[in-house]
Amino acid sequence: MSAFLSSIKDGFNKGWSEGTIESDSFPILAQEIGKRLAKPIGSFPFWVYFIIVTFLTGLAGVFTTINQELLSNDVIINHANITLSIATYFIALLASSSTDLIFSKEESSNKHLKALGVGMLLTGVGLFWLSVIFPKHNTCALFIYLPSFFGTALALFTWWIANAHNPNLTREVKPEHINPSGAEIVDDPEILQKYKIE
């Protein structure tokens, strides 16, 4: 078991440092996850989109529900409403991110990454239903919120992995792409095809 976990850790570390490994199992998936976790770290547009659009704007409905519960005339806060609001946020984000992984057209996306997307989606559906059921059968607020918090963390992780290669969020301008006038040189075949003169 320790050799299996060690091979996964090695794959992750090689992916994080842009190395490659030659195998066809969990280390390949760990390598791809490592690459996708590391790539957007230095991208300012990625962080802005992640924090403002994906996280804060996405949680607007949750903040609204919490505000309504706090301002209501009821003495007891209805935790079921809050967990349901969190659950609807994370399942929507997780479903769209998992779908991006499953149907990605990138050559670097392999069958392991697509399988990860399916696994994340199924796990998210399970956590969603636990978020709906837990408030009915638990009185401790900590246990009530656990599935929702795990689901939100899983959804944000999946979004990060799915969007790590999104060129709109992680576009890098390399020195060789800049001409002396300071304008960026476009060498992307898809962009050039749009402006091709026949």
Protein backbone atom coordinates (compact mmCIF):
# COMPACT_ATOMS: atom_id res chain seq x y z
CA MET A 1 0.00 0.00 0.00
CA SER A 2 2.83 2.40 0.82
CA ALA A 3 4.45 1.75 -2.60
CA PHE A 4 1.13 2.59 -4.29
CA LEU A 5 0.78 5.86 -2.34
CA SER A 6 4.44 6.65 -2.97
CA SER A 7 3.97 6.26 -6.75
CA ILE A 8 0.99 8.64 -6.64
CA LYS A 9 3.03 11.16 -4.61
CA ASP A 10 5.94 10.89 -7.09
CA GLY A 11 3.54 11.48 -9.99
CA PHE A 12 2.09 14.55 -8.29
CA ASN A 13 5.55 15.96 -7.54
CA LYS A 14 6.71 15.39 -11.13
CA GLY A 15 3.56 17.08 -12.45
CA TRP A 16 4.07 20.02 -10.09
CA SER A 17 7.62 20.45 -11.38
CA GLU A 18 6.61 19.85 -15.04
CA GLY A 19 8.32 16.46 -15.24
CA THR A 20 6.90 13.48 -17.11
CA ILE A 21 6.47 9.87 -16.16
CA GLU A 22 5.91 6.86 -18.33
CA SER A 23 3.07 4.81 -16.91
CA ASP A 24 -0.64 4.38 -17.30
CA SER A 25 -2.25 4.51 -13.86
CA PHE A 26 -2.77 6.72 -10.83
CA PRO A 27 0.67 8.40 -11.04
CA ILE A 28 -0.36 9.82 -14.46
CA LEU A 29 -3.49 11.33 -12.90
CA ALA A 30 -1.47 12.66 -9.96
CA GLN A 31 1.02 14.18 -12.43
CA GLU A 32 -1.75 15.94 -14.37
CA ILE A 33 -3.33 17.25 -11.14
CA GLY A 34 0.08 18.51 -10.01
CA LYS A 35 0.56 20.37 -13.31
CA ARG A 36 -2.90 21.89 -13.15
CA LEU A 37 -2.52 22.99 -9.53
CA ALA A 38 0.84 24.66 -10.21
CA LYS A 39 0.24 26.30 -13.60
CA PRO A 40 -2.17 29.15 -12.71
CA ILE A 41 -0.55 30.14 -9.40
CA GLY A 42 1.26 33.12 -10.94
CA SER A 43 -1.63 34.22 -13.15
CA PHE A 44 -3.29 37.41 -11.87
CA PRO A 45 -6.41 37.10 -14.11
CA PHE A 46 -6.91 33.53 -12.90
CA TRP A 47 -6.86 34.58 -9.24
CA VAL A 48 -9.19 37.53 -9.83
CA TYR A 49 -11.70 35.32 -11.64
CA PHE A 50 -11.35 32.56 -9.03
CA ILE A 51 -11.86 34.81 -6.00
CA ILE A 52 -14.33 37.40 -7.29
CA VAL A 53 -16.43 35.55 -9.85
CA THR A 54 -16.25 31.90 -8.85
CA PHE A 55 -16.12 32.24 -5.08
CA LEU A 56 -17.61 35.55 -3.90
CA THR A 57 -20.22 36.10 -6.63
CA GLY A 58 -21.13 32.43 -6.54
CA LEU A 59 -21.75 32.61 -2.80
CA ALA A 60 -24.04 35.65 -3.10
CA GLY A 61 -27.07 33.39 -2.67
CA VAL A 62 -25.56 31.84 0.45
CA PHE A 63 -24.86 35.28 1.96
CA THR A 64 -28.43 36.31 1.18
CA THR A 65 -29.83 33.24 2.96
CA ILE A 66 -27.60 33.81 6.00
CA ASN A 67 -28.70 37.45 6.12
CA GLN A 68 -32.39 36.48 5.97
CA GLU A 69 -31.92 33.96 8.76
CA LEU A 70 -30.13 36.49 10.97
CA LEU A 71 -32.73 39.22 10.33
CA SER A 72 -35.76 36.98 10.77
CA ASN A 73 -37.90 37.28 13.89
CA ASP A 74 -37.33 33.61 14.71
CA VAL A 75 -35.21 32.93 17.76
CA ILE A 76 -33.74 29.76 16.23
CA ILE A 77 -31.70 29.92 13.02
CA ASN A 78 -32.85 27.40 10.44
CA HIS A 79 -29.59 25.71 9.52
CA ALA A 80 -31.35 23.59 6.89
CA ASN A 81 -31.94 26.68 4.74
CA ILE A 82 -28.30 27.71 4.93
CA THR A 83 -26.91 24.24 4.15
CA LEU A 84 -29.33 23.89 1.25
CA SER A 85 -28.16 27.24 -0.13
CA ILE A 86 -24.51 26.16 0.14
CA ALA A 87 -25.37 22.81 -1.46
CA THR A 88 -27.06 24.41 -4.46
CA TYR A 89 -23.96 26.60 -4.94
CA PHE A 90 -21.44 23.78 -4.81
CA ILE A 91 -23.39 21.28 -6.91
CA ALA A 92 -23.82 23.80 -9.75
CA LEU A 93 -20.11 24.74 -9.69
CA LEU A 94 -19.04 21.11 -9.39
CA ALA A 95 -21.31 19.95 -12.21
CA SER A 96 -20.04 22.60 -14.64
CA SER A 97 -16.39 22.02 -13.69
CA SER A 98 -16.71 18.23 -13.93
CA THR A 99 -18.36 18.59 -17.33
CA ASP A 100 -15.40 20.71 -18.46
CA LEU A 101 -13.05 17.91 -17.41
CA ILE A 102 -15.12 15.17 -19.02
CA PHE A 103 -15.61 16.88 -22.38
CA SER A 104 -12.28 18.70 -22.62
CA LYS A 105 -10.82 18.73 -26.15
CA GLU A 106 -7.25 19.31 -24.98
CA GLU A 107 -4.71 16.77 -26.09
CA SER A 108 -3.20 16.79 -22.62
CA SER A 109 -6.50 15.69 -21.11
CA ASN A 110 -6.32 11.96 -20.74
CA LYS A 111 -8.82 9.29 -19.83
CA HIS A 112 -7.74 9.51 -16.19
CA LEU A 113 -8.70 13.17 -16.01
CA LYS A 114 -12.07 12.44 -17.62
CA ALA A 115 -12.63 9.64 -15.10
CA LEU A 116 -11.73 12.09 -12.32
CA GLY A 117 -14.45 14.42 -13.62
CA VAL A 118 -17.03 11.62 -13.45
CA GLY A 119 -15.85 10.67 -9.96
CA MET A 120 -16.03 14.28 -8.74
CA LEU A 121 -19.53 14.65 -10.14
CA LEU A 122 -20.78 11.47 -8.44
CA THR A 123 -19.11 12.45 -5.17
CA GLY A 124 -20.70 15.90 -5.42
CA VAL A 125 -24.17 14.43 -5.93
CA GLY A 126 -23.64 12.28 -2.83
CA LEU A 127 -22.50 15.29 -0.78
CA PHE A 128 -25.47 17.29 -2.06
CA TRP A 129 -27.94 14.70 -0.79
CA LEU A 130 -26.10 14.46 2.53
CA SER A 131 -26.38 18.26 2.79
CA VAL A 132 -30.13 17.94 2.34
CA ILE A 133 -30.53 14.99 4.75
CA PHE A 134 -28.12 15.92 7.57
CA PRO A 135 -30.06 18.94 8.92
CA LYS A 136 -33.14 16.74 9.42
CA HIS A 137 -31.31 14.15 11.54
CA ASN A 138 -28.64 16.11 13.44
CA THR A 139 -28.85 18.81 16.06
CA CYS A 140 -25.15 19.70 16.16
CA ALA A 141 -24.46 22.57 13.76
CA LEU A 142 -20.94 21.28 13.04
CA PHE A 143 -22.24 17.99 11.62
CA ILE A 144 -25.02 19.75 9.73
CA TYR A 145 -22.53 21.84 7.74
CA LEU A 146 -19.84 19.18 7.12
CA PRO A 147 -21.20 17.81 3.80
CA SER A 148 -21.74 21.34 2.47
CA PHE A 149 -18.24 22.48 3.38
CA PHE A 150 -16.65 19.35 1.90
CA GLY A 151 -18.75 19.79 -1.23
CA THR A 152 -17.71 23.44 -1.58
CA ALA A 153 -14.02 22.57 -1.17
CA LEU A 154 -14.37 19.78 -3.74
CA ALA A 155 -16.18 22.09 -6.17
CA LEU A 156 -13.50 24.81 -5.91
CA PHE A 157 -10.75 22.22 -6.35
CA THR A 158 -12.48 20.78 -9.42
CA TRP A 159 -13.00 24.26 -10.88
CA TRP A 160 -9.29 25.02 -10.43
CA ILE A 161 -8.24 21.75 -12.11
CA ALA A 162 -10.75 22.20 -14.97
CA ASN A 163 -9.73 25.81 -15.71
CA ALA A 164 -5.96 25.56 -15.20
CA HIS A 165 -5.39 25.44 -18.97
CA ASN A 166 -8.07 27.98 -19.87
CA PRO A 167 -6.21 30.41 -22.17
CA ASN A 168 -8.56 33.27 -21.25
CA LEU A 169 -7.49 33.00 -17.60
CA THR A 170 -3.87 31.88 -17.81
CA ARG A 171 -2.55 33.52 -20.95
CA GLU A 172 1.17 33.98 -20.76
CA VAL A 173 2.98 36.58 -22.86
CA LYS A 174 6.47 35.28 -23.55
CA PRO A 175 9.37 37.57 -24.56
CA GLU A 176 9.67 35.85 -27.96
CA HIS A 177 6.05 36.84 -28.70
CA ILE A 178 6.76 40.55 -28.35
CA ASN A 179 8.04 42.50 -31.34
CA PRO A 180 10.21 45.64 -30.96
CA SER A 181 7.16 47.92 -31.15
CA GLY A 182 5.80 46.30 -27.99
CA ALA A 183 2.77 44.74 -29.68
CA GLU A 184 2.13 41.09 -29.09
CA ILE A 185 2.82 38.78 -32.02
CA VAL A 186 -0.10 36.44 -32.63
CA ASP A 187 1.02 32.98 -33.67
CA ASP A 188 -2.03 30.99 -32.61
CA PRO A 189 -3.33 29.20 -35.74
CA GLU A 190 -6.97 29.49 -34.61
CA ILE A 191 -6.73 33.26 -34.21
CA LEU A 192 -4.82 33.68 -37.47
CA GLN A 193 -7.43 31.60 -39.34
CA LYS A 194 -10.11 34.16 -38.40
CA TYR A 195 -8.17 36.93 -40.15
CA LYS A 196 -7.01 34.95 -43.17
CA ILE A 197 -7.50 36.87 -46.41
CA GLU A 198 -8.75 34.69 -49.25
